[in-house]
Amino acid sequence: MQWKGLWHLFARHGEVTRTYIAWKLSRGGKRFGFVSFGEDSDAARAIERLDGFNVYGYRLTVKDFKF
């Protein structure tokens, strides 16, 4: 998936301001990306609705980003 696909998937659940998909893999060997929303409530809605969602045969893990 490219950043535009990620944008469209998450835009159904709120106002997306930015998306980014990293080229490198996580420590567990998986791809990862980030989606920024204009409102915290939109982000919470997307987490609730898309965590565990299947895209192209892959299960998404969606969670809040912590520094």
Protein backbone atom coordinates (compact mmCIF):
# COMPACT_ATOMS: atom_id res chain seq x y z
CA MET A 1 0.00 0.00 0.00
CA GLN A 2 1.16 3.52 -0.73
CA TRP A 3 0.51 6.63 1.35
CA LYS A 4 -2.52 7.61 -0.75
CA GLY A 5 -4.23 4.29 -0.06
CA LEU A 6 -3.56 4.71 3.64
CA TRP A 7 -4.97 8.26 3.44
CA HIS A 8 -8.20 7.10 1.77
CA LEU A 9 -8.69 4.20 4.17
CA PHE A 10 -8.36 6.38 7.27
CA ALA A 11 -10.15 9.45 5.80
CA ARG A 12 -13.45 7.55 6.10
CA HIS A 13 -13.13 7.95 9.87
CA GLY A 14 -12.07 11.59 10.20
CA GLU A 15 -9.99 14.44 8.78
CA VAL A 16 -6.53 13.09 7.93
CA THR A 17 -3.78 15.73 7.95
CA ARG A 18 -0.75 13.57 7.14
CA THR A 19 0.27 9.99 6.31
CA TYR A 20 3.66 8.33 6.15
CA ILE A 21 4.75 4.75 5.41
CA ALA A 22 8.32 3.89 6.42
CA TRP A 23 10.63 2.07 4.00
CA LYS A 24 12.37 0.14 6.74
CA LEU A 25 10.79 -2.64 8.76
CA SER A 26 9.95 -2.71 12.46
CA ARG A 27 11.97 -4.79 14.91
CA GLY A 28 9.47 -7.58 14.34
CA GLY A 29 10.05 -7.45 10.56
CA LYS A 30 6.77 -5.74 9.67
CA ARG A 31 6.00 -2.60 7.66
CA PHE A 32 4.59 0.35 9.58
CA GLY A 33 3.20 3.79 8.96
CA PHE A 34 1.71 6.82 10.66
CA VAL A 35 -1.56 8.69 10.17
CA SER A 36 -2.19 12.11 11.72
CA PHE A 37 -5.69 13.42 12.35
CA GLY A 38 -6.90 16.95 12.96
CA GLU A 39 -8.94 15.90 16.01
CA ASP A 40 -8.21 13.39 18.77
CA SER A 41 -11.78 12.09 18.53
CA ASP A 42 -11.22 11.20 14.84
CA ALA A 43 -8.09 9.27 15.77
CA ALA A 44 -9.92 7.38 18.52
CA ARG A 45 -12.71 6.49 16.07
CA ALA A 46 -10.21 5.18 13.50
CA ILE A 47 -8.42 3.10 16.13
CA GLU A 48 -11.71 1.58 17.29
CA ARG A 49 -12.94 0.77 13.78
CA LEU A 50 -9.74 -0.23 11.95
CA ASP A 51 -7.78 -2.22 14.54
CA GLY A 52 -7.87 -5.79 13.22
CA PHE A 53 -9.19 -4.73 9.79
CA ASN A 54 -7.93 -6.80 6.82
CA VAL A 55 -6.35 -4.99 3.86
CA TYR A 56 -4.97 -6.98 0.92
CA GLY A 57 -4.94 -10.08 3.11
CA TYR A 58 -2.97 -8.43 5.94
CA ARG A 59 -4.40 -7.66 9.37
CA LEU A 60 -3.89 -4.06 10.52
CA THR A 61 -2.82 -3.22 14.03
CA VAL A 62 -3.92 0.35 14.75
CA LYS A 63 -2.95 2.06 17.98
CA ASP A 64 -2.20 5.47 19.42
CA PHE A 65 1.39 6.64 18.96
CA LYS A 66 3.39 7.13 22.16
CA PHE A 67 6.69 8.99 22.35
